[in-house]
Structures are given as C-alpha cells and as structure tokens.
Amino acid sequence: MKKWFFVILLLILFIFPASRVFAKNYFCAFYFTFIGCPNCAYTDPIVLNQWIKKYPNLVIIEYVWKSGDWKNPNSKFFGDYAKEYKTPAAVPQLAFDKSNIKLGRIEVPKGETYIKSKISNPCPLIDKSIPFEDLNLNQLPSFPKIWANQRVLIKLSENEYLFQWNGKSPPKTIGKEKFTQKELKELLFTENISEKLKNKAFDIVKPQKIKFSGSVFPKSSGFVPYVEFENAIKINVSENLTTNKPEENQSSNEEINQNFKEETINLPFIGKIETKKFSLPILTFLIAIADGFNPCAFFVLTFLLAALIGLSGVRRKILLVGGIFVFFSGLLYFLFMSVLLNVFQLGGKVTILTIIAGLIAIFAGIINIKDYFYFQKGISLTLPKSYKEKFIQRVKNLSLAKTNLTLIFGAAIIATTVNIYELLCTFGFPMVYTRILTLKNLPPLKYYLYLIFYNLVYVIPLLFIVLIFAFTLGKKTFSQIWVRRLKLVSGFMILFLGLILMLKPKLLESALTAFSVLLFAIIISVIIILIDSFLKNRL
C-alpha cells in the first residue's frame, strides 16, 4: 500500500509542462546617450551592438537625443530620471537599478561584468522596477528604442511602433488584428517572426539606418557607427494589455496602473507595509526555520547530550556542549553556503545553473519524502551507518572527560566533523536559498548579511533542543517517528521550492510565495500522515 501511495503521489506532483522549465529570464537596463557625444560614440557600439549580439536575453531601453536639444522629450525624461535616481545628468549612462549605475566612457563597458553575474534584471523605471515580461511598453515615457536579440523596437507614439530586424521578410498578406502588448514584446525574441505576423495589421516600410553618436574610430578597430536592418514594419498596438476582445477591455488607466503597484497590507498600530520590500527577509526566515528542523542534527544533538546525563554538573555541561555544537553548526553552515553563493555568482548568468539547482532540490525533496515511507532504505540523506558507529564511540569518550577544557575541546572536534557529514542530510535548502539570493540585485555585503541572518535563524530549533534537554535532563527525546515526519515536511518544502526555482523564479520575489510553500508543505504532510496512520490502524 505504501509503495503505490508513494508512486501515485509522485505522479501527481510531476504533471507539469516540461517546456516551462526553460522559461526565459530577461535582463533589462536603461541606457542614456545623445548624438554628438564623443564618449557615447565609444560606448554605443558596445552596448547596442556587441552586447545585443552576445546576450540573447538582454533588453536595452535606450533614450537618445541630439546634442543641445534640451527640449527633446527624451532629454527631459532623462533629467527627471537622473533627479529621481540621484545621479549626475551626464551621458553615457547605464542604469541597472538605483544602487547600480554606470556613468562615462570607462564605467559603462564595465557593466558587462554585472550582466554576466546575474541571470535576470527587472527594468528600472523611474518610480519602480518591473520584469520585462510584465512591462507595458505604452507606459514607457517619451520615445525610447528597445534593443534585444539583434532587433529594435522604436516607440513612435502612444500605440505606434517601428519594428526592425534581419532575416526572413514579412508576409505579403496583411491581416486586421492589432498586436497586443505581449505579442509586441514577443517579436523581439521569437524564432519565427513571419509566423507571429500572420493575420496581424502592420505597414511594411523602408528600414532606417540607426546611427550611433558618430564614428571616431578606424574601421580596423571593430567599432561601427550605425546598425542596419533588412526589414521594417510599422505597428499599431491594441491599448489593452492582454487581449484584442473589446468586451474584455474594460480596465481604466487607473486600474491598469494599480496592477503594477507593489503589494501593500495594513497592519494595526503600524500602518501600510509594502510586502515586496519584506519578501526576501520573510523568505529567508521561513526557509531557514524549516531547514533548522533538521532530523540529522536533532538525532546527533540529542544523542550527544544524552551521553552527559549522570555526570556531575550535568545541566551546566549540557548547556556548554550544546552551545558549542550549535555554534559550529551555524559557522560551518555559513561557510558552506558562502561557497555555494560564490559558485552561483561566478556562473551568474548561466540559466542552466538555476535549472541544476532546481533539479538537485527536487531530488533532495523526493529522497526526504521517500524516507517517510521507507526510512533509511536505498538512497537516504542521513548520516552513514559507518559514521554513526564512530560517532557513538567518540561520544562515549567525551563522557569520560575529566576537565571542562577537555570537554570543550572534544565537543568542538565532534561538532565540526559531525556538521560536515550533516551537509549530506540538508543540502537541498541551502542550494535553493543561495540560488534565490544570487537572482536578487543586492550589493555584495548584503548577500553575506542575509547568509548570517539565515544561519542565526537556522540554529534556533537546535537551541530549543539544548534548552529543553537541559531543563528536563533528557526526559524529552526525539523519536524516529518525528524524524520521519520532519523529513516529510522538509521534503515537500524543498521539492516545491525546487519546482518554483525551475519553472518561475520570479514568484520567489513575493512574500505570499514564501508563506504558501511552507503552508502547503505542512498541509499535504499532515494529510499523508493522517492517511498513513489510518491505514496502519486498519491493518
């Protein structure tokens, strides 16, 4: 019965469209330049030609105007943007977010390092940041050029765009359907532009040669003063964001803008809170606290403390040894997660790393779920039996320590070696969390502050174990049934986080996702435990 129950459960969990695993993550940035700027003449071909060819998921939203034309709408918008972002109104300027802006001929090309280090980046609008896939191009102020995938989309007016590309010409038969916002952005990345243009309304026009800020380099340098395209069409876009059906286009501009506002909640005595600002701390806390309920660590800690029962000054020694164990658990876990963080940062922009991290998390989750049904049978993320025997012998030797110094030294050695082995039991959570962290746009120091916060939360359950054991003198123990139950809950949580990381990493930016993952993992685990108990009683 258990076997079939486990198989059916896995089949239900994995009915997902496989194609979504390889969903594209867009990296978006704003670029400001003007014609006649000698420094821009150097950076334009790099940003708008070289990078666009090199990085298929890169989106550059360019605002350009002629030198001295300060009444140009693009120039006016740049003034407002520079004021809001507290940056000099000078070009060339490349903005990733408010804390990461590259300015000038030397700094702008260095932006490539940041592009390589991140898998995605939201578009840094003047008042908020929005993922490119959610961006309404009509709401972009003034008249930008959107560069991506060796194509360009030029905003001509509120609902009119010029799209230019190289390759297959547009179909001769022109339809009547207007483009939606989603379809407009898809033109920049689709492999078959002609297919996307079928039945759509557009005008075939002569391609424009898009000039950069003048050529100050010889041809041998590899820099080009302009970009040419083979095809161009003028497009009228539906005002509605998602559909052309009139009956569904009922939202006012006010309601549309509301969809892009950050989530807010009202708390008594506190007031309005923007939940997205707190999503990463909340996510950190929930994953860390779930990770802290580590069956391996609980088993090792309770066994270690139980060996001290009967010694003189037992409560003090339990607190001392338990404190040493908890300290080394947090320290070694922090070092391990720091290594993972650096691995992911080095490979930052490689999408496959996110998929690998998700797959590893899914594998770890399935193994933990399996351990509820078949504890330590087959592959199991628990301490190896060979090491358990060595550990038991070391604990016995520790209980014979005659001085506090010997006790501290022995406890430190045991805690260090045991926690290295414990990484086998729990690598799923740190794998998922560090990958989530590297997908965020944070200053380097903040990454490590979050790791410190994670590990402080991670050791809270272990501290409770130490305190309970010290004040009950070992009367409360941790039975195998609770080990299995904890592995079930943690298994589902790791599994769900792994699936989200693979299918839709953007969901991990929401505070609601953090709560939902933990809640759903607990609910489905409780249901399984109740069904399992019912079946056992019937048998």
Protein backbone atom coordinates (compact mmCIF):
# COMPACT_ATOMS: atom_id res chain seq x y z
CA MET A 1 0.00 0.00 0.00
CA LYS A 2 2.82 2.42 0.93
CA LYS A 3 4.61 1.72 -2.34
CA TRP A 4 1.61 2.57 -4.54
CA PHE A 5 0.71 5.55 -2.39
CA PHE A 6 4.22 6.96 -2.88
CA VAL A 7 4.21 6.32 -6.65
CA ILE A 8 0.78 7.98 -7.14
CA LEU A 9 1.90 10.98 -5.09
CA LEU A 10 4.97 11.49 -7.31
CA LEU A 11 2.90 11.18 -10.50
CA ILE A 12 0.54 13.92 -9.28
CA LEU A 13 3.41 16.23 -8.38
CA PHE A 14 5.12 15.97 -11.74
CA ILE A 15 2.22 16.70 -14.11
CA PHE A 16 3.78 20.00 -15.27
CA PRO A 17 4.51 21.18 -18.82
CA ALA A 18 8.18 20.38 -19.37
CA SER A 19 8.66 23.34 -21.68
CA ARG A 20 8.23 25.81 -18.83
CA VAL A 21 11.44 24.58 -17.24
CA PHE A 22 13.33 26.56 -19.85
CA ALA A 23 11.37 29.81 -19.45
CA LYS A 24 13.43 32.84 -20.44
CA ASN A 25 14.70 35.27 -17.83
CA TYR A 26 15.16 38.78 -19.24
CA PHE A 27 17.94 41.13 -18.22
CA CYS A 28 16.73 44.72 -18.63
CA ALA A 29 18.65 48.02 -18.35
CA PHE A 30 18.19 51.69 -19.27
CA TYR A 31 20.80 53.43 -21.46
CA PHE A 32 21.02 57.21 -21.97
CA THR A 33 23.06 58.79 -24.78
CA PHE A 34 22.95 61.70 -27.22
CA ILE A 35 24.13 62.25 -30.79
CA GLY A 36 27.33 64.27 -30.79
CA CYS A 37 28.70 62.90 -27.52
CA PRO A 38 32.29 61.61 -28.12
CA ASN A 39 32.22 59.26 -25.12
CA CYS A 40 28.87 57.88 -26.30
CA ALA A 41 30.49 57.20 -29.68
CA TYR A 42 32.70 54.75 -27.83
CA THR A 43 30.02 53.07 -25.67
CA ASP A 44 27.07 52.97 -28.13
CA PRO A 45 28.52 50.21 -30.37
CA ILE A 46 29.44 48.17 -27.27
CA VAL A 47 26.06 48.40 -25.55
CA LEU A 48 23.74 48.46 -28.58
CA ASN A 49 25.65 46.19 -30.95
CA GLN A 50 28.18 43.93 -29.26
CA TRP A 51 26.17 43.14 -26.11
CA ILE A 52 22.89 42.72 -28.00
CA LYS A 53 24.58 40.06 -30.18
CA LYS A 54 26.35 38.42 -27.26
CA TYR A 55 23.48 38.15 -24.75
CA PRO A 56 20.20 36.86 -26.25
CA ASN A 57 18.13 37.67 -23.14
CA LEU A 58 19.46 41.25 -22.79
CA VAL A 59 16.99 44.14 -23.23
CA ILE A 60 18.39 47.66 -23.51
CA ILE A 61 15.88 50.52 -23.34
CA GLU A 62 17.70 53.42 -24.98
CA TYR A 63 16.83 57.11 -24.67
CA VAL A 64 18.72 59.20 -27.22
CA TRP A 65 18.52 62.84 -28.39
CA LYS A 66 20.67 65.31 -30.36
CA SER A 67 23.33 67.33 -28.63
CA GLY A 68 21.94 70.65 -27.42
CA ASP A 69 18.29 69.66 -27.96
CA TRP A 70 17.29 70.02 -24.31
CA LYS A 71 13.61 70.43 -25.21
CA ASN A 72 13.52 66.91 -26.63
CA PRO A 73 11.11 64.70 -24.59
CA ASN A 74 13.84 62.07 -24.14
CA SER A 75 16.19 64.71 -22.75
CA LYS A 76 13.52 65.99 -20.35
CA PHE A 77 12.77 62.47 -19.18
CA PHE A 78 16.48 61.88 -18.54
CA GLY A 79 16.55 64.99 -16.32
CA ASP A 80 13.67 63.62 -14.23
CA TYR A 81 15.26 60.16 -14.16
CA ALA A 82 18.65 61.48 -13.00
CA LYS A 83 16.96 63.54 -10.28
CA GLU A 84 14.95 60.54 -9.00
CA TYR A 85 17.98 58.21 -9.12
CA LYS A 86 20.24 60.88 -7.56
CA THR A 87 22.80 60.57 -10.34
CA PRO A 88 24.57 63.26 -12.44
CA ALA A 89 22.68 64.23 -15.59
CA ALA A 90 25.59 63.15 -17.78
CA VAL A 91 25.96 60.61 -20.59
CA PRO A 92 26.65 57.90 -21.49
CA GLN A 93 24.80 56.39 -18.54
CA LEU A 94 23.69 52.80 -17.99
CA ALA A 95 21.21 52.05 -15.19
CA PHE A 96 20.55 48.58 -13.77
CA ASP A 97 18.84 49.89 -10.62
CA LYS A 98 19.16 52.81 -8.19
CA SER A 99 22.21 51.30 -6.50
CA ASN A 100 23.97 50.20 -9.70
CA ILE A 101 24.56 52.88 -12.31
CA LYS A 102 27.50 53.06 -14.71
CA LEU A 103 28.49 56.53 -15.90
CA GLY A 104 31.01 57.54 -18.55
CA ARG A 105 33.23 56.02 -21.19
CA ILE A 106 35.24 53.89 -18.74
CA GLU A 107 32.46 52.68 -16.42
CA VAL A 108 29.70 51.82 -18.93
CA PRO A 109 31.65 48.96 -20.61
CA LYS A 110 32.32 47.55 -17.12
CA GLY A 111 28.56 46.94 -16.87
CA GLU A 112 29.15 43.71 -18.78
CA THR A 113 30.60 42.20 -15.60
CA TYR A 114 27.27 42.75 -13.87
CA ILE A 115 25.33 41.34 -16.82
CA LYS A 116 27.46 38.19 -16.62
CA SER A 117 26.89 37.87 -12.87
CA LYS A 118 23.07 37.94 -12.95
CA ILE A 119 20.54 35.68 -14.60
CA SER A 120 17.88 38.41 -14.84
CA ASN A 121 17.18 42.05 -14.01
CA PRO A 122 13.90 44.00 -13.92
CA CYS A 123 13.52 47.18 -15.96
CA PRO A 124 14.49 50.15 -13.71
CA LEU A 125 11.63 52.56 -14.35
CA ILE A 126 11.67 55.99 -12.78
CA ASP A 127 9.34 55.00 -9.90
CA LYS A 128 9.67 51.22 -9.66
CA SER A 129 11.30 48.16 -11.22
CA ILE A 130 9.22 45.77 -13.36
CA PRO A 131 10.27 42.49 -15.05
CA PHE A 132 10.37 42.97 -18.81
CA GLU A 133 7.70 40.30 -19.37
CA ASP A 134 5.28 42.39 -17.23
CA LEU A 135 6.22 45.76 -18.70
CA ASN A 136 3.60 47.75 -20.62
CA LEU A 137 5.64 49.46 -23.35
CA ASN A 138 2.93 52.11 -23.77
CA GLN A 139 3.74 53.29 -20.24
CA LEU A 140 7.38 53.96 -21.09
CA PRO A 141 7.66 57.77 -21.12
CA SER A 142 8.80 59.68 -24.23
CA PHE A 143 10.17 57.75 -27.23
CA PRO A 144 12.71 55.05 -26.39
CA LYS A 145 14.29 52.37 -28.55
CA ILE A 146 14.03 48.83 -27.18
CA TRP A 147 17.03 46.75 -28.29
CA ALA A 148 17.05 42.96 -27.91
CA ASN A 149 18.21 39.87 -29.75
CA GLN A 150 19.73 41.91 -32.65
CA ARG A 151 16.38 43.61 -33.23
CA VAL A 152 14.98 47.01 -32.32
CA LEU A 153 11.52 48.28 -31.44
CA ILE A 154 11.14 52.07 -31.65
CA LYS A 155 8.26 53.81 -29.92
CA LEU A 156 6.80 56.42 -32.29
CA SER A 157 3.72 57.41 -30.28
CA GLU A 158 1.45 56.05 -27.54
CA ASN A 159 0.35 52.97 -29.51
CA GLU A 160 2.57 53.08 -32.60
CA TYR A 161 5.92 51.33 -33.00
CA LEU A 162 8.56 50.70 -35.67
CA PHE A 163 9.98 47.18 -35.57
CA GLN A 164 13.21 46.35 -37.47
CA TRP A 165 15.02 43.04 -37.89
CA ASN A 166 17.22 40.97 -40.17
CA GLY A 167 16.20 37.70 -41.79
CA LYS A 168 13.02 36.50 -43.43
CA SER A 169 10.81 39.23 -44.92
CA PRO A 170 7.29 39.88 -43.56
CA PRO A 171 4.39 38.03 -45.20
CA LYS A 172 2.72 39.77 -48.15
CA THR A 173 -0.77 39.07 -46.80
CA ILE A 174 -1.58 41.59 -44.09
CA GLY A 175 -4.39 40.97 -41.61
CA LYS A 176 -6.54 43.26 -39.49
CA GLU A 177 -5.76 42.16 -35.94
CA LYS A 178 -3.84 44.62 -33.82
CA PHE A 179 -0.90 43.48 -31.74
CA THR A 180 -1.26 43.11 -28.00
CA GLN A 181 1.50 44.20 -25.64
CA LYS A 182 2.53 40.58 -25.12
CA GLU A 183 2.72 39.90 -28.87
CA LEU A 184 4.69 43.11 -29.41
CA LYS A 185 7.40 42.04 -26.95
CA GLU A 186 7.40 38.51 -28.37
CA LEU A 187 8.54 39.92 -31.72
CA LEU A 188 11.90 40.72 -30.13
CA PHE A 189 12.56 37.09 -29.18
CA THR A 190 10.50 34.78 -31.37
CA GLU A 191 12.38 32.41 -33.68
CA ASN A 192 9.74 32.77 -36.40
CA ILE A 193 8.80 36.41 -36.95
CA SER A 194 6.75 35.66 -40.09
CA GLU A 195 4.51 33.31 -38.12
CA LYS A 196 3.92 36.00 -35.48
CA LEU A 197 2.95 38.50 -38.18
CA LYS A 198 0.25 36.30 -39.74
CA ASN A 199 -3.22 37.88 -39.64
CA LYS A 200 -1.75 40.99 -37.95
CA ALA A 201 -2.18 44.62 -39.03
CA PHE A 202 1.05 46.42 -39.95
CA ASP A 203 2.60 48.58 -42.67
CA ILE A 204 5.77 47.50 -44.48
CA VAL A 205 8.16 50.45 -44.53
CA LYS A 206 11.75 51.14 -45.53
CA PRO A 207 14.25 50.17 -42.79
CA GLN A 208 16.02 53.01 -41.01
CA LYS A 209 19.77 53.06 -40.55
CA ILE A 210 20.17 53.67 -36.82
CA LYS A 211 23.24 55.82 -36.24
CA PHE A 212 25.31 55.88 -33.11
CA SER A 213 26.94 59.02 -31.72
CA GLY A 214 29.35 59.46 -34.63
CA SER A 215 32.37 57.39 -35.59
CA VAL A 216 35.70 58.38 -34.04
CA PHE A 217 37.41 55.05 -34.65
CA PRO A 218 39.05 53.47 -37.72
CA LYS A 219 37.23 50.52 -39.33
CA SER A 220 40.02 48.21 -38.18
CA SER A 221 39.03 48.81 -34.55
CA GLY A 222 35.86 46.75 -34.98
CA PHE A 223 33.53 49.59 -33.92
CA VAL A 224 30.68 50.51 -36.26
CA PRO A 225 28.94 53.93 -36.48
CA TYR A 226 25.47 52.54 -37.14
CA VAL A 227 23.24 49.44 -37.32
CA GLU A 228 21.40 48.46 -40.47
CA PHE A 229 18.35 46.21 -40.78
CA GLU A 230 16.86 44.34 -43.72
CA ASN A 231 13.18 44.61 -42.75
CA ALA A 232 10.95 47.14 -41.05
CA ILE A 233 7.23 47.38 -40.27
CA LYS A 234 5.09 50.00 -38.56
CA ILE A 235 2.76 48.54 -35.93
CA ASN A 236 -0.36 49.82 -34.20
CA VAL A 237 -0.78 48.21 -30.80
CA SER A 238 -4.01 47.45 -29.00
CA GLU A 239 -4.43 49.70 -25.98
CA ASN A 240 -5.45 46.67 -23.94
CA LEU A 241 -2.56 44.84 -22.26
CA THR A 242 -3.57 41.26 -22.91
CA THR A 243 -6.32 40.86 -25.50
CA ASN A 244 -7.98 42.44 -28.53
CA LYS A 245 -11.50 41.50 -27.46
CA PRO A 246 -13.49 44.72 -26.81
CA GLU A 247 -15.65 43.16 -24.11
CA GLU A 248 -12.55 42.38 -22.06
CA ASN A 249 -11.01 45.85 -22.47
CA GLN A 250 -12.86 47.48 -19.59
CA SER A 251 -10.00 48.49 -17.29
CA SER A 252 -9.33 52.21 -16.93
CA ASN A 253 -5.79 53.58 -16.93
CA GLU A 254 -6.11 53.94 -13.17
CA GLU A 255 -6.91 50.23 -12.77
CA ILE A 256 -4.08 49.21 -15.13
CA ASN A 257 -1.58 51.27 -13.17
CA GLN A 258 -2.85 49.65 -9.98
CA ASN A 259 -1.80 46.24 -11.33
CA PHE A 260 1.81 47.40 -11.33
CA LYS A 261 1.82 48.85 -7.82
CA GLU A 262 3.64 46.95 -5.12
CA GLU A 263 1.53 44.82 -2.80
CA THR A 264 0.58 46.58 0.40
CA ILE A 265 -1.03 45.45 3.62
CA ASN A 266 -2.40 47.43 6.55
CA LEU A 267 -1.26 46.32 9.99
CA PRO A 268 -2.85 47.54 13.24
CA PHE A 269 -0.75 50.22 15.02
CA ILE A 270 1.85 50.02 12.24
CA GLY A 271 0.02 51.14 9.13
CA LYS A 272 0.67 50.40 5.46
CA ILE A 273 3.50 47.97 4.68
CA GLU A 274 4.87 47.26 1.19
CA THR A 275 5.11 43.47 1.29
CA LYS A 276 7.61 43.13 -1.57
CA LYS A 277 10.18 45.04 0.46
CA PHE A 278 9.89 42.36 3.11
CA SER A 279 9.63 39.32 0.86
CA LEU A 280 13.31 38.36 0.94
CA PRO A 281 13.62 38.63 4.75
CA ILE A 282 10.40 36.63 5.13
CA LEU A 283 11.54 34.04 2.60
CA THR A 284 14.91 33.84 4.36
CA PHE A 285 13.27 33.32 7.74
CA LEU A 286 10.84 30.64 6.56
CA ILE A 287 13.40 28.61 4.60
CA ALA A 288 15.94 28.89 7.43
CA ILE A 289 13.50 27.87 10.15
CA ALA A 290 12.32 24.92 8.05
CA ASP A 291 15.96 23.99 7.41
CA GLY A 292 16.63 24.25 11.15
CA PHE A 293 14.24 21.39 11.83
CA ASN A 294 16.93 19.04 10.61
CA PRO A 295 16.35 15.43 11.71
CA CYS A 296 20.05 14.56 11.39
CA ALA A 297 21.10 17.44 13.61
CA PHE A 298 18.37 16.63 16.12
CA PHE A 299 19.47 13.00 16.33
CA VAL A 300 23.15 13.88 16.74
CA LEU A 301 22.49 16.62 19.28
CA THR A 302 20.13 14.59 21.47
CA PHE A 303 22.48 11.58 21.40
CA LEU A 304 25.42 13.83 22.28
CA LEU A 305 23.59 15.46 25.18
CA ALA A 306 22.17 12.16 26.42
CA ALA A 307 25.73 10.89 26.92
CA LEU A 308 26.24 13.64 29.52
CA ILE A 309 23.35 12.51 31.74
CA GLY A 310 24.74 11.19 35.01
CA LEU A 311 27.80 13.45 35.07
CA SER A 312 28.26 15.95 37.89
CA GLY A 313 27.00 19.41 36.99
CA VAL A 314 25.03 17.84 34.17
CA ARG A 315 22.82 20.83 33.34
CA ARG A 316 25.79 23.18 33.01
CA LYS A 317 27.67 20.64 30.86
CA ILE A 318 24.64 20.09 28.63
CA LEU A 319 24.38 23.85 28.02
CA LEU A 320 28.15 24.08 27.40
CA VAL A 321 28.39 21.15 24.97
CA GLY A 322 25.08 22.01 23.33
CA GLY A 323 26.17 25.62 22.85
CA ILE A 324 29.44 24.50 21.22
CA PHE A 325 27.53 22.19 18.88
CA VAL A 326 25.06 24.93 17.91
CA PHE A 327 27.88 27.45 17.30
CA PHE A 328 29.78 25.12 14.98
CA SER A 329 26.54 24.14 13.21
CA GLY A 330 25.88 27.78 12.33
CA LEU A 331 29.51 28.56 11.46
CA LEU A 332 30.11 25.59 9.15
CA TYR A 333 26.72 26.02 7.51
CA PHE A 334 27.55 29.68 6.84
CA LEU A 335 30.88 28.70 5.24
CA PHE A 336 29.18 26.03 3.13
CA MET A 337 26.51 28.47 1.93
CA SER A 338 29.18 31.09 1.19
CA VAL A 339 30.87 28.61 -1.15
CA LEU A 340 27.54 27.92 -2.90
CA LEU A 341 26.89 31.66 -3.16
CA ASN A 342 30.22 32.23 -4.90
CA VAL A 343 29.69 29.28 -7.25
CA PHE A 344 26.35 30.69 -8.36
CA GLN A 345 27.72 34.22 -8.66
CA LEU A 346 30.59 33.04 -10.86
CA GLY A 347 28.12 31.28 -13.15
CA GLY A 348 25.52 34.00 -12.54
CA LYS A 349 24.02 34.49 -15.98
CA VAL A 350 24.08 30.82 -16.96
CA THR A 351 20.42 29.79 -16.88
CA ILE A 352 21.34 26.12 -16.66
CA LEU A 353 22.72 26.68 -13.14
CA THR A 354 19.25 27.65 -11.94
CA ILE A 355 17.82 24.53 -13.57
CA ILE A 356 20.55 22.37 -11.99
CA ALA A 357 19.91 23.91 -8.56
CA GLY A 358 16.18 23.25 -9.00
CA LEU A 359 16.79 19.64 -10.08
CA ILE A 360 19.08 18.98 -7.10
CA ALA A 361 16.49 20.45 -4.75
CA ILE A 362 13.74 18.32 -6.33
CA PHE A 363 15.93 15.22 -5.97
CA ALA A 364 16.66 16.02 -2.31
CA GLY A 365 12.97 16.65 -1.66
CA ILE A 366 11.91 13.34 -3.22
CA ILE A 367 14.52 11.44 -1.17
CA ASN A 368 13.29 13.05 2.05
CA ILE A 369 9.67 12.22 1.16
CA LYS A 370 10.78 8.65 0.38
CA ASP A 371 12.38 8.42 3.84
CA TYR A 372 8.99 8.93 5.44
CA PHE A 373 7.68 5.81 3.74
CA TYR A 374 10.93 3.77 3.62
CA PHE A 375 13.20 5.17 6.31
CA GLN A 376 16.92 4.73 5.51
CA LYS A 377 16.18 2.20 2.76
CA GLY A 378 18.00 2.71 -0.52
CA ILE A 379 19.32 6.23 -1.14
CA SER A 380 18.88 8.27 2.02
CA LEU A 381 20.01 11.74 3.04
CA THR A 382 21.00 10.69 6.56
CA LEU A 383 24.24 10.08 8.38
CA PRO A 384 26.03 6.99 7.02
CA LYS A 385 25.82 3.98 9.35
CA SER A 386 29.63 3.63 9.27
CA TYR A 387 30.00 7.14 10.63
CA LYS A 388 27.31 6.63 13.28
CA GLU A 389 29.42 3.89 14.87
CA LYS A 390 32.47 6.18 15.01
CA PHE A 391 30.31 8.99 16.36
CA ILE A 392 28.91 6.80 19.16
CA GLN A 393 32.43 5.83 20.21
CA ARG A 394 33.58 9.47 20.23
CA VAL A 395 30.60 10.50 22.34
CA LYS A 396 31.39 7.75 24.84
CA ASN A 397 34.95 9.06 25.08
CA LEU A 398 33.62 12.59 25.52
CA SER A 399 31.51 11.50 28.50
CA LEU A 400 34.71 10.35 30.23
CA ALA A 401 36.30 13.82 30.03
CA LYS A 402 37.60 14.84 33.45
CA THR A 403 38.06 18.59 32.89
CA ASN A 404 35.96 21.30 31.29
CA LEU A 405 38.78 22.15 28.89
CA THR A 406 38.89 18.54 27.64
CA LEU A 407 35.11 18.54 27.38
CA ILE A 408 35.09 21.77 25.33
CA PHE A 409 37.91 20.61 23.04
CA GLY A 410 36.30 17.19 22.46
CA ALA A 411 32.87 18.74 21.83
CA ALA A 412 34.37 21.16 19.30
CA ILE A 413 36.03 18.31 17.35
CA ILE A 414 32.85 16.22 17.36
CA ALA A 415 30.68 19.20 16.37
CA THR A 416 33.00 20.11 13.47
CA THR A 417 33.22 16.61 11.99
CA VAL A 418 29.54 15.79 12.54
CA ASN A 419 28.35 19.01 10.91
CA ILE A 420 30.44 18.31 7.82
CA TYR A 421 28.65 14.97 7.47
CA GLU A 422 25.30 16.62 8.21
CA LEU A 423 25.54 18.60 4.97
CA LEU A 424 24.53 15.35 3.24
CA CYS A 425 21.21 15.50 5.08
CA THR A 426 20.24 19.05 4.29
CA PHE A 427 21.96 20.44 1.21
CA GLY A 428 18.60 20.95 -0.56
CA PHE A 429 17.62 24.06 1.40
CA PRO A 430 20.96 25.93 1.13
CA MET A 431 21.17 25.02 -2.57
CA VAL A 432 17.77 26.60 -3.25
CA TYR A 433 18.27 29.59 -0.98
CA THR A 434 21.70 30.63 -2.25
CA ARG A 435 20.44 30.41 -5.84
CA ILE A 436 17.45 32.58 -4.93
CA LEU A 437 19.83 35.04 -3.29
CA THR A 438 22.06 35.33 -6.37
CA LEU A 439 18.99 36.06 -8.51
CA LYS A 440 18.45 39.19 -6.42
CA ASN A 441 20.05 42.51 -7.22
CA LEU A 442 21.98 43.17 -3.98
CA PRO A 443 25.26 44.82 -3.02
CA PRO A 444 27.96 42.20 -2.21
CA LEU A 445 27.86 42.86 1.56
CA LYS A 446 24.09 42.25 1.72
CA TYR A 447 24.48 38.73 0.35
CA TYR A 448 26.60 37.79 3.36
CA LEU A 449 24.38 39.66 5.80
CA TYR A 450 21.47 37.58 4.55
CA LEU A 451 23.55 34.41 4.99
CA ILE A 452 24.33 35.45 8.57
CA PHE A 453 20.64 36.11 9.20
CA TYR A 454 19.75 32.73 7.64
CA ASN A 455 22.17 30.87 9.91
CA LEU A 456 21.06 32.71 13.05
CA VAL A 457 17.51 31.57 12.30
CA TYR A 458 18.74 28.08 11.31
CA VAL A 459 20.18 27.39 14.79
CA ILE A 460 17.02 28.49 16.69
CA PRO A 461 15.45 24.97 16.72
CA LEU A 462 18.80 23.49 17.84
CA LEU A 463 18.97 25.99 20.70
CA PHE A 464 15.49 24.94 21.77
CA ILE A 465 16.60 21.30 21.77
CA VAL A 466 19.54 22.19 24.03
CA LEU A 467 17.35 24.17 26.45
CA ILE A 468 14.61 21.51 26.58
CA PHE A 469 17.20 18.78 27.15
CA ALA A 470 18.99 20.81 29.84
CA PHE A 471 15.89 21.62 31.86
CA THR A 472 14.20 18.22 31.52
CA LEU A 473 17.52 16.35 31.87
CA GLY A 474 16.82 14.18 28.85
CA LYS A 475 13.24 13.19 29.68
CA LYS A 476 12.10 14.61 26.32
CA THR A 477 13.66 12.71 23.43
CA PHE A 478 13.35 12.81 19.65
CA SER A 479 11.78 9.57 18.39
CA GLN A 480 12.12 8.08 14.90
CA ILE A 481 8.51 8.84 14.02
CA TRP A 482 9.20 12.56 14.42
CA VAL A 483 12.38 12.23 12.37
CA ARG A 484 10.28 10.75 9.56
CA ARG A 485 7.59 13.42 9.89
CA LEU A 486 10.11 16.25 9.78
CA LYS A 487 11.74 14.72 6.71
CA LEU A 488 8.32 14.60 5.04
CA VAL A 489 7.56 18.30 5.68
CA SER A 490 11.08 19.43 4.72
CA GLY A 491 10.99 17.15 1.68
CA PHE A 492 7.83 18.76 0.33
CA MET A 493 9.11 22.25 1.03
CA ILE A 494 12.42 21.58 -0.76
CA LEU A 495 10.52 19.95 -3.62
CA PHE A 496 8.15 22.90 -4.07
CA LEU A 497 10.97 25.44 -3.86
CA GLY A 498 12.93 23.45 -6.44
CA LEU A 499 9.96 23.39 -8.81
CA ILE A 500 9.38 27.14 -8.42
CA LEU A 501 13.08 27.82 -8.95
CA MET A 502 12.97 25.89 -12.24
CA LEU A 503 9.57 26.96 -13.54
CA LYS A 504 9.09 30.54 -12.34
CA PRO A 505 11.90 32.03 -10.20
CA LYS A 506 10.14 35.40 -10.28
CA LEU A 507 7.48 34.02 -7.89
CA LEU A 508 10.14 33.86 -5.18
CA GLU A 509 10.11 37.68 -5.09
CA SER A 510 6.66 37.60 -3.47
CA ALA A 511 6.09 37.29 0.28
CA LEU A 512 2.95 35.28 -0.50
CA THR A 513 5.04 32.54 -2.15
CA ALA A 514 7.11 32.06 1.00
CA PHE A 515 4.02 31.58 3.15
CA SER A 516 2.28 29.39 0.57
CA VAL A 517 5.20 26.97 0.16
CA LEU A 518 5.52 26.35 3.90
CA LEU A 519 1.75 26.16 4.44
CA PHE A 520 1.17 23.78 1.53
CA ALA A 521 4.09 21.57 2.62
CA ILE A 522 2.61 21.30 6.13
CA ILE A 523 -0.94 20.67 4.90
CA ILE A 524 -0.03 17.93 2.42
CA SER A 525 2.30 16.31 5.01
CA VAL A 526 -0.44 16.29 7.66
CA ILE A 527 -2.86 14.70 5.18
CA ILE A 528 -0.31 11.99 4.31
CA ILE A 529 0.47 11.33 8.00
CA LEU A 530 -3.25 11.01 8.83
CA ILE A 531 -3.88 8.68 5.88
CA ASP A 532 -0.83 6.61 6.80
CA SER A 533 -1.96 6.35 10.44
CA PHE A 534 -5.47 5.38 9.35
CA LEU A 535 -4.15 2.63 7.04
CA LYS A 536 -1.91 1.27 9.80
CA ASN A 537 -4.79 1.13 12.26
CA ARG A 538 -7.00 -0.63 9.72
CA LEU A 539 -4.28 -3.22 9.09
